PDB file of N, CA and C in Angstrom:
ATOM      1  N   MET A   1       0.133   2.588 -61.904  1.00  0.00           N
ATOM      2  CA  MET A   1       0.639   3.527 -62.899  1.00  0.00           C
ATOM      3  C   MET A   1      -0.671   3.987 -63.701  1.00  0.00           C
ATOM      4  N   LYS A   2      -0.394   5.304 -63.831  1.00  0.00           N
ATOM      5  CA  LYS A   2      -1.485   6.163 -64.822  1.00  0.00           C
ATOM      6  C   LYS A   2      -1.550   5.595 -66.126  1.00  0.00           C
ATOM      7  N   ASP A   3      -2.807   5.742 -66.589  1.00  0.00           N
ATOM      8  CA  ASP A   3      -2.952   5.546 -68.422  1.00  0.00           C
ATOM      9  C   ASP A   3      -2.656   6.579 -68.665  1.00  0.00           C
ATOM     10  N   ILE A   4      -1.672   6.364 -69.917  1.00  0.00           N
ATOM     11  CA  ILE A   4      -1.084   7.600 -70.640  1.00  0.00           C
ATOM     12  C   ILE A   4      -2.133   8.798 -70.996  1.00  0.00           C
ATOM     13  N   ASN A   5      -3.169   8.218 -71.395  1.00  0.00           N
ATOM     14  CA  ASN A   5      -4.433   9.290 -72.039  1.00  0.00           C
ATOM     15  C   ASN A   5      -5.064  10.150 -70.660  1.00  0.00           C
ATOM     16  N   ASP A   6      -4.613   9.680 -69.443  1.00  0.00           N
ATOM     17  CA  ASP A   6      -4.788  10.615 -68.247  1.00  0.00           C
ATOM     18  C   ASP A   6      -3.840  11.903 -68.390  1.00  0.00           C
ATOM     19  N   ILE A   7      -2.722  11.741 -68.981  1.00  0.00           N
ATOM     20  CA  ILE A   7      -1.890  12.926 -69.000  1.00  0.00           C
ATOM     21  C   ILE A   7      -2.177  14.159 -69.649  1.00  0.00           C
ATOM     22  N   PRO A   8      -1.959  15.340 -69.626  1.00  0.00           N
ATOM     23  CA  PRO A   8      -2.659  16.117 -70.078  1.00  0.00           C
ATOM     24  C   PRO A   8      -1.661  16.404 -71.233  1.00  0.00           C
ATOM     25  N   ARG A   9      -2.219  16.664 -72.565  1.00  0.00           N
ATOM     26  CA  ARG A   9      -1.519  17.059 -73.565  1.00  0.00           C
ATOM     27  C   ARG A   9      -1.400  18.723 -73.483  1.00  0.00           C
ATOM     28  N   ILE A  10       0.149  18.913 -74.181  1.00  0.00           N
ATOM     29  CA  ILE A  10       0.511  20.288 -74.332  1.00  0.00           C
ATOM     30  C   ILE A  10       0.503  20.570 -75.543  1.00  0.00           C
ATOM     31  N   LEU A  11       0.142  21.407 -76.337  1.00  0.00           N
ATOM     32  CA  LEU A  11       0.205  21.861 -77.638  1.00  0.00           C
ATOM     33  C   LEU A  11       1.219  22.842 -78.195  1.00  0.00           C
ATOM     34  N   ARG A  12       1.841  22.915 -78.941  1.00  0.00           N
ATOM     35  CA  ARG A  12       2.549  24.122 -79.268  1.00  0.00           C
ATOM     36  C   ARG A  12       1.806  24.744 -80.327  1.00  0.00           C
ATOM     37  N   TRP A  13       2.478  25.898 -80.646  1.00  0.00           N
ATOM     38  CA  TRP A  13       2.134  26.885 -81.575  1.00  0.00           C
ATOM     39  C   TRP A  13       1.411  25.934 -83.179  1.00  0.00           C
ATOM     40  N   LYS A  14       2.470  25.284 -83.450  1.00  0.00           N
ATOM     41  CA  LYS A  14       2.163  24.626 -84.781  1.00  0.00           C
ATOM     42  C   LYS A  14       1.201  23.938 -84.731  1.00  0.00           C
ATOM     43  N   GLN A  15       0.707  22.836 -83.530  1.00  0.00           N
ATOM     44  CA  GLN A  15      -0.232  22.274 -83.404  1.00  0.00           C
ATOM     45  C   GLN A  15      -1.332  23.176 -83.148  1.00  0.00           C
ATOM     46  N   VAL A  16      -1.359  23.860 -82.464  1.00  0.00           N
ATOM     47  CA  VAL A  16      -2.660  24.694 -82.157  1.00  0.00           C
ATOM     48  C   VAL A  16      -2.988  25.486 -83.736  1.00  0.00           C
ATOM     49  N   ALA A  17      -2.080  26.036 -84.301  1.00  0.00           N
ATOM     50  CA  ALA A  17      -2.426  26.471 -85.958  1.00  0.00           C
ATOM     51  C   ALA A  17      -3.008  25.592 -86.628  1.00  0.00           C
ATOM     52  N   GLN A  18      -2.944  24.364 -86.241  1.00  0.00           N
ATOM     53  CA  GLN A  18      -3.692  23.379 -87.270  1.00  0.00           C
ATOM     54  C   GLN A  18      -5.300  23.017 -86.691  1.00  0.00           C
ATOM     55  N   ILE A  19      -5.623  23.706 -85.617  1.00  0.00           N
ATOM     56  CA  ILE A  19      -6.812  23.705 -85.082  1.00  0.00           C
ATOM     57  C   ILE A  19      -7.788  24.774 -85.392  1.00  0.00           C
ATOM     58  N   ILE A  20      -7.032  26.143 -85.186  1.00  0.00           N
ATOM     59  CA  ILE A  20      -7.693  27.263 -85.087  1.00  0.00           C
ATOM     60  C   ILE A  20      -7.781  27.764 -86.606  1.00  0.00           C
ATOM     61  N   PRO A  21      -8.557  28.587 -87.073  1.00  0.00           N
ATOM     62  CA  PRO A  21      -8.763  28.934 -88.529  1.00  0.00           C
ATOM     63  C   PRO A  21      -8.393  30.468 -88.591  1.00  0.00           C
ATOM     64  N   TRP A  22      -7.151  31.014 -87.665  1.00  0.00           N
ATOM     65  CA  TRP A  22      -7.026  32.487 -87.758  1.00  0.00           C
ATOM     66  C   TRP A  22      -5.395  32.627 -87.357  1.00  0.00           C
ATOM     67  N   SER A  23      -4.696  33.365 -88.032  1.00  0.00           N
ATOM     68  CA  SER A  23      -3.375  33.742 -87.540  1.00  0.00           C
ATOM     69  C   SER A  23      -2.929  33.939 -86.267  1.00  0.00           C
ATOM     70  N   LYS A  24      -1.444  33.816 -86.184  1.00  0.00           N
ATOM     71  CA  LYS A  24      -0.954  33.757 -84.788  1.00  0.00           C
ATOM     72  C   LYS A  24      -1.188  35.000 -84.018  1.00  0.00           C
ATOM     73  N   SER A  25      -0.851  36.267 -84.900  1.00  0.00           N
ATOM     74  CA  SER A  25      -1.182  37.627 -84.342  1.00  0.00           C
ATOM     75  C   SER A  25      -2.764  37.784 -84.003  1.00  0.00           C
ATOM     76  N   TYR A  26      -3.578  37.476 -84.657  1.00  0.00           N
ATOM     77  CA  TYR A  26      -4.685  37.532 -84.267  1.00  0.00           C
ATOM     78  C   TYR A  26      -5.040  36.860 -82.790  1.00  0.00           C
ATOM     79  N   THR A  27      -4.823  35.615 -82.832  1.00  0.00           N
ATOM     80  CA  THR A  27      -4.541  34.781 -81.705  1.00  0.00           C
ATOM     81  C   THR A  27      -3.971  35.367 -80.399  1.00  0.00           C
ATOM     82  N   TYR A  28      -2.980  35.885 -80.560  1.00  0.00           N
ATOM     83  CA  TYR A  28      -2.318  36.746 -79.531  1.00  0.00           C
ATOM     84  C   TYR A  28      -3.230  37.879 -79.218  1.00  0.00           C
ATOM     85  N   ALA A  29      -3.802  38.720 -80.216  1.00  0.00           N
ATOM     86  CA  ALA A  29      -4.593  39.866 -79.825  1.00  0.00           C
ATOM     87  C   ALA A  29      -5.776  39.315 -79.081  1.00  0.00           C
ATOM     88  N   LEU A  30      -6.372  38.322 -79.411  1.00  0.00           N
ATOM     89  CA  LEU A  30      -7.399  37.362 -78.653  1.00  0.00           C
ATOM     90  C   LEU A  30      -7.039  37.179 -77.133  1.00  0.00           C
ATOM     91  N   ILE A  31      -5.664  36.810 -77.059  1.00  0.00           N
ATOM     92  CA  ILE A  31      -5.417  36.433 -75.960  1.00  0.00           C
ATOM     93  C   ILE A  31      -5.517  37.730 -74.953  1.00  0.00           C
ATOM     94  N   ASN A  32      -4.790  38.929 -75.433  1.00  0.00           N
ATOM     95  CA  ASN A  32      -4.598  40.185 -74.873  1.00  0.00           C
ATOM     96  C   ASN A  32      -6.202  40.587 -74.415  1.00  0.00           C
ATOM     97  N   LYS A  33      -7.210  40.157 -75.086  1.00  0.00           N
ATOM     98  CA  LYS A  33      -8.429  40.619 -74.666  1.00  0.00           C
ATOM     99  C   LYS A  33      -9.128  39.771 -73.939  1.00  0.00           C
ATOM    100  N   GLY A  34      -8.142  38.447 -73.085  1.00  0.00           N
ATOM    101  CA  GLY A  34      -8.893  37.423 -72.371  1.00  0.00           C
ATOM    102  C   GLY A  34      -9.942  36.737 -73.195  1.00  0.00           C
ATOM    103  N   ILE A  35     -10.114  36.541 -74.308  1.00  0.00           N
ATOM    104  CA  ILE A  35     -11.014  35.561 -75.383  1.00  0.00           C
ATOM    105  C   ILE A  35     -10.416  34.199 -75.544  1.00  0.00           C
ATOM    106  N   PHE A  36      -9.026  34.068 -75.748  1.00  0.00           N
ATOM    107  CA  PHE A  36      -8.514  33.137 -76.103  1.00  0.00           C
ATOM    108  C   PHE A  36      -7.791  32.804 -74.977  1.00  0.00           C
ATOM    109  N   PRO A  37      -7.631  31.091 -74.939  1.00  0.00           N
ATOM    110  CA  PRO A  37      -6.906  30.628 -73.646  1.00  0.00           C
ATOM    111  C   PRO A  37      -5.437  31.231 -73.831  1.00  0.00           C
ATOM    112  N   LYS A  38      -5.026  31.399 -72.774  1.00  0.00           N
ATOM    113  CA  LYS A  38      -3.395  31.931 -72.472  1.00  0.00           C
ATOM    114  C   LYS A  38      -2.584  30.679 -72.639  1.00  0.00           C
ATOM    115  N   PRO A  39      -1.473  30.918 -73.255  1.00  0.00           N
ATOM    116  CA  PRO A  39      -0.353  29.823 -73.034  1.00  0.00           C
ATOM    117  C   PRO A  39       0.271  29.740 -71.919  1.00  0.00           C
ATOM    118  N   GLN A  40       0.897  28.611 -71.329  1.00  0.00           N
ATOM    119  CA  GLN A  40       1.746  28.672 -70.127  1.00  0.00           C
ATOM    120  C   GLN A  40       3.400  28.425 -70.410  1.00  0.00           C
ATOM    121  N   LYS A  41       3.894  28.829 -69.627  1.00  0.00           N
ATOM    122  CA  LYS A  41       5.235  28.799 -69.709  1.00  0.00           C
ATOM    123  C   LYS A  41       5.685  27.261 -69.575  1.00  0.00           C
ATOM    124  N   LEU A  42       6.637  26.275 -70.361  1.00  0.00           N
ATOM    125  CA  LEU A  42       6.778  25.059 -70.074  1.00  0.00           C
ATOM    126  C   LEU A  42       8.135  24.749 -69.338  1.00  0.00           C
ATOM    127  N   MET A  43       8.694  26.068 -69.072  1.00  0.00           N
ATOM    128  CA  MET A  43       9.775  25.854 -68.174  1.00  0.00           C
ATOM    129  C   MET A  43       9.857  27.408 -67.206  1.00  0.00           C
ATOM    130  N   ALA A  44      10.107  27.062 -65.908  1.00  0.00           N
ATOM    131  CA  ALA A  44      10.341  28.413 -65.409  1.00  0.00           C
ATOM    132  C   ALA A  44      11.427  29.129 -65.752  1.00  0.00           C
ATOM    133  N   GLY A  45      11.362  30.323 -66.152  1.00  0.00           N
ATOM    134  CA  GLY A  45      12.657  31.145 -66.689  1.00  0.00           C
ATOM    135  C   GLY A  45      12.779  31.014 -68.098  1.00  0.00           C
ATOM    136  N   GLY A  46      12.197  29.911 -68.905  1.00  0.00           N
ATOM    137  CA  GLY A  46      12.361  29.674 -70.040  1.00  0.00           C
ATOM    138  C   GLY A  46      11.255  30.610 -71.043  1.00  0.00           C
ATOM    139  N   GLN A  47      11.525  30.434 -72.308  1.00  0.00           N
ATOM    140  CA  GLN A  47      10.464  31.362 -73.381  1.00  0.00           C
ATOM    141  C   GLN A  47       9.603  30.674 -73.796  1.00  0.00           C
ATOM    142  N   ALA A  48       9.707  29.137 -74.092  1.00  0.00           N
ATOM    143  CA  ALA A  48       8.654  28.173 -74.484  1.00  0.00           C
ATOM    144  C   ALA A  48       7.406  28.066 -74.081  1.00  0.00           C
ATOM    145  N   VAL A  49       6.004  28.371 -74.647  1.00  0.00           N
ATOM    146  CA  VAL A  49       5.188  28.094 -74.227  1.00  0.00           C
ATOM    147  C   VAL A  49       4.215  27.156 -74.921  1.00  0.00           C
ATOM    148  N   GLY A  50       3.510  26.540 -74.450  1.00  0.00           N
ATOM    149  CA  GLY A  50       2.296  25.706 -74.633  1.00  0.00           C
ATOM    150  C   GLY A  50       0.926  25.656 -74.280  1.00  0.00           C
ATOM    151  N   TRP A  51      -0.122  25.510 -74.693  1.00  0.00           N
ATOM    152  CA  TRP A  51      -1.416  25.420 -74.369  1.00  0.00           C
ATOM    153  C   TRP A  51      -1.761  23.963 -74.070  1.00  0.00           C
ATOM    154  N   LEU A  52      -2.612  23.843 -72.997  1.00  0.00           N
ATOM    155  CA  LEU A  52      -3.572  22.911 -72.792  1.00  0.00           C
ATOM    156  C   LEU A  52      -4.262  22.420 -73.768  1.00  0.00           C
ATOM    157  N   ALA A  53      -3.910  21.143 -74.367  1.00  0.00           N
ATOM    158  CA  ALA A  53      -5.135  20.862 -75.560  1.00  0.00           C
ATOM    159  C   ALA A  53      -6.558  20.782 -74.856  1.00  0.00           C
ATOM    160  N   ALA A  54      -6.849  20.455 -73.880  1.00  0.00           N
ATOM    161  CA  ALA A  54      -8.111  20.647 -73.390  1.00  0.00           C
ATOM    162  C   ALA A  54      -8.944  22.122 -73.380  1.00  0.00           C
ATOM    163  N   ASP A  55      -8.109  22.899 -72.877  1.00  0.00           N
ATOM    164  CA  ASP A  55      -8.351  24.213 -73.236  1.00  0.00           C
ATOM    165  C   ASP A  55      -8.573  24.709 -74.832  1.00  0.00           C
ATOM    166  N   ILE A  56      -7.754  24.300 -75.525  1.00  0.00           N
ATOM    167  CA  ILE A  56      -7.932  24.750 -77.043  1.00  0.00           C
ATOM    168  C   ILE A  56      -9.339  23.795 -77.177  1.00  0.00           C
ATOM    169  N   HIS A  57      -9.778  22.791 -76.893  1.00  0.00           N
ATOM    170  CA  HIS A  57     -10.527  21.702 -77.657  1.00  0.00           C
ATOM    171  C   HIS A  57     -11.967  22.517 -76.793  1.00  0.00           C
ATOM    172  N   ALA A  58     -11.925  23.074 -75.647  1.00  0.00           N
ATOM    173  CA  ALA A  58     -13.138  23.432 -75.000  1.00  0.00           C
ATOM    174  C   ALA A  58     -13.516  24.945 -75.609  1.00  0.00           C
ATOM    175  N   TYR A  59     -12.398  25.741 -75.952  1.00  0.00           N
ATOM    176  CA  TYR A  59     -12.564  27.126 -76.376  1.00  0.00           C
ATOM    177  C   TYR A  59     -13.275  26.948 -77.918  1.00  0.00           C
ATOM    178  N   MET A  60     -12.877  25.727 -79.016  1.00  0.00           N
ATOM    179  CA  MET A  60     -13.431  25.330 -80.242  1.00  0.00           C
ATOM    180  C   MET A  60     -14.703  25.244 -80.181  1.00  0.00           C
ATOM    181  N   ARG A  61     -15.101  24.042 -78.970  1.00  0.00           N
ATOM    182  CA  ARG A  61     -16.354  23.557 -78.975  1.00  0.00           C
ATOM    183  C   ARG A  61     -17.347  24.805 -78.465  1.00  0.00           C
ATOM    184  N   SER A  62     -17.118  25.728 -77.813  1.00  0.00           N
ATOM    185  CA  SER A  62     -17.745  26.808 -77.302  1.00  0.00           C
ATOM    186  C   SER A  62     -18.012  27.927 -78.454  1.00  0.00           C
ATOM    187  N   LEU A  63     -17.342  27.819 -79.457  1.00  0.00           N
ATOM    188  CA  LEU A  63     -17.165  28.622 -80.656  1.00  0.00           C
ATOM    189  C   LEU A  63     -18.636  27.895 -81.568  1.00  0.00           C
ATOM    190  N   VAL A  64     -18.356  26.606 -81.596  1.00  0.00           N
ATOM    191  CA  VAL A  64     -19.224  25.713 -82.464  1.00  0.00           C
ATOM    192  C   VAL A  64     -20.551  26.053 -81.543  1.00  0.00           C
ATOM    193  N   LYS A  65     -20.619  25.794 -80.411  1.00  0.00           N
ATOM    194  CA  LYS A  65     -22.110  26.086 -79.682  1.00  0.00           C
ATOM    195  C   LYS A  65     -22.635  27.376 -79.987  1.00  0.00           C
ATOM    196  N   ASN A  66     -21.737  28.707 -79.791  1.00  0.00           N
ATOM    197  CA  ASN A  66     -22.170  30.046 -79.990  1.00  0.00           C
ATOM    198  C   ASN A  66     -22.862  29.827 -81.661  1.00  0.00           C
ATOM    199  N   MET A  67     -22.089  29.297 -82.432  1.00  0.00           N
ATOM    200  CA  MET A  67     -22.515  29.581 -84.079  1.00  0.00           C
ATOM    201  C   MET A  67     -23.975  28.883 -84.081  1.00  0.00           C
ATOM    202  N   GLU A  68     -23.930  27.766 -83.622  1.00  0.00           N
ATOM    203  CA  GLU A  68     -25.221  26.985 -83.696  1.00  0.00           C
ATOM    204  C   GLU A  68     -26.535  27.666 -83.166  1.00  0.00           C
ATOM    205  N   GLN A  69     -26.212  28.128 -81.928  1.00  0.00           N
ATOM    206  CA  GLN A  69     -27.187  29.114 -81.289  1.00  0.00           C
ATOM    207  C   GLN A  69     -27.820  30.342 -82.345  1.00  0.00           C
ATOM    208  N   THR A  70     -26.495  30.846 -82.836  1.00  0.00           N
ATOM    209  CA  THR A  70     -26.857  32.191 -83.992  1.00  0.00           C
ATOM    210  C   THR A  70     -27.508  31.394 -84.783  1.00  0.00           C
ATOM    211  N   ILE A  71     -27.435  30.242 -85.324  1.00  0.00           N
ATOM    212  CA  ILE A  71     -28.049  29.844 -86.726  1.00  0.00           C
ATOM    213  C   ILE A  71     -29.497  29.443 -86.180  1.00  0.00           C
ATOM    214  N   ASN A  72     -29.754  28.657 -85.131  1.00  0.00           N
ATOM    215  CA  ASN A  72     -31.058  28.603 -84.700  1.00  0.00           C
ATOM    216  C   ASN A  72     -32.089  29.968 -84.218  1.00  0.00           C
ATOM    217  N   GLU A  73     -31.361  30.855 -84.241  1.00  0.00           N
ATOM    218  CA  GLU A  73     -32.318  32.238 -83.302  1.00  0.00           C
ATOM    219  C   GLU A  73     -33.240  33.009 -84.587  1.00  0.00           C
TER     220      GLU A  73
END
């Protein structure tokens, strides 16, 4: 049996909104530009979407890394 921590976490919008510092409309503008991770449909033919927690965390880590590089320049 796999460890429960090995199962990818899926975040819904309310959870993503607690992590990122901007609005839903701005997030979708970033998605349309290919900058922010795209949400994935949770069920075939359904409307509900979610983001992989690892994708959101990696994106936020990249923002911090870019900020640190800018400060150090």
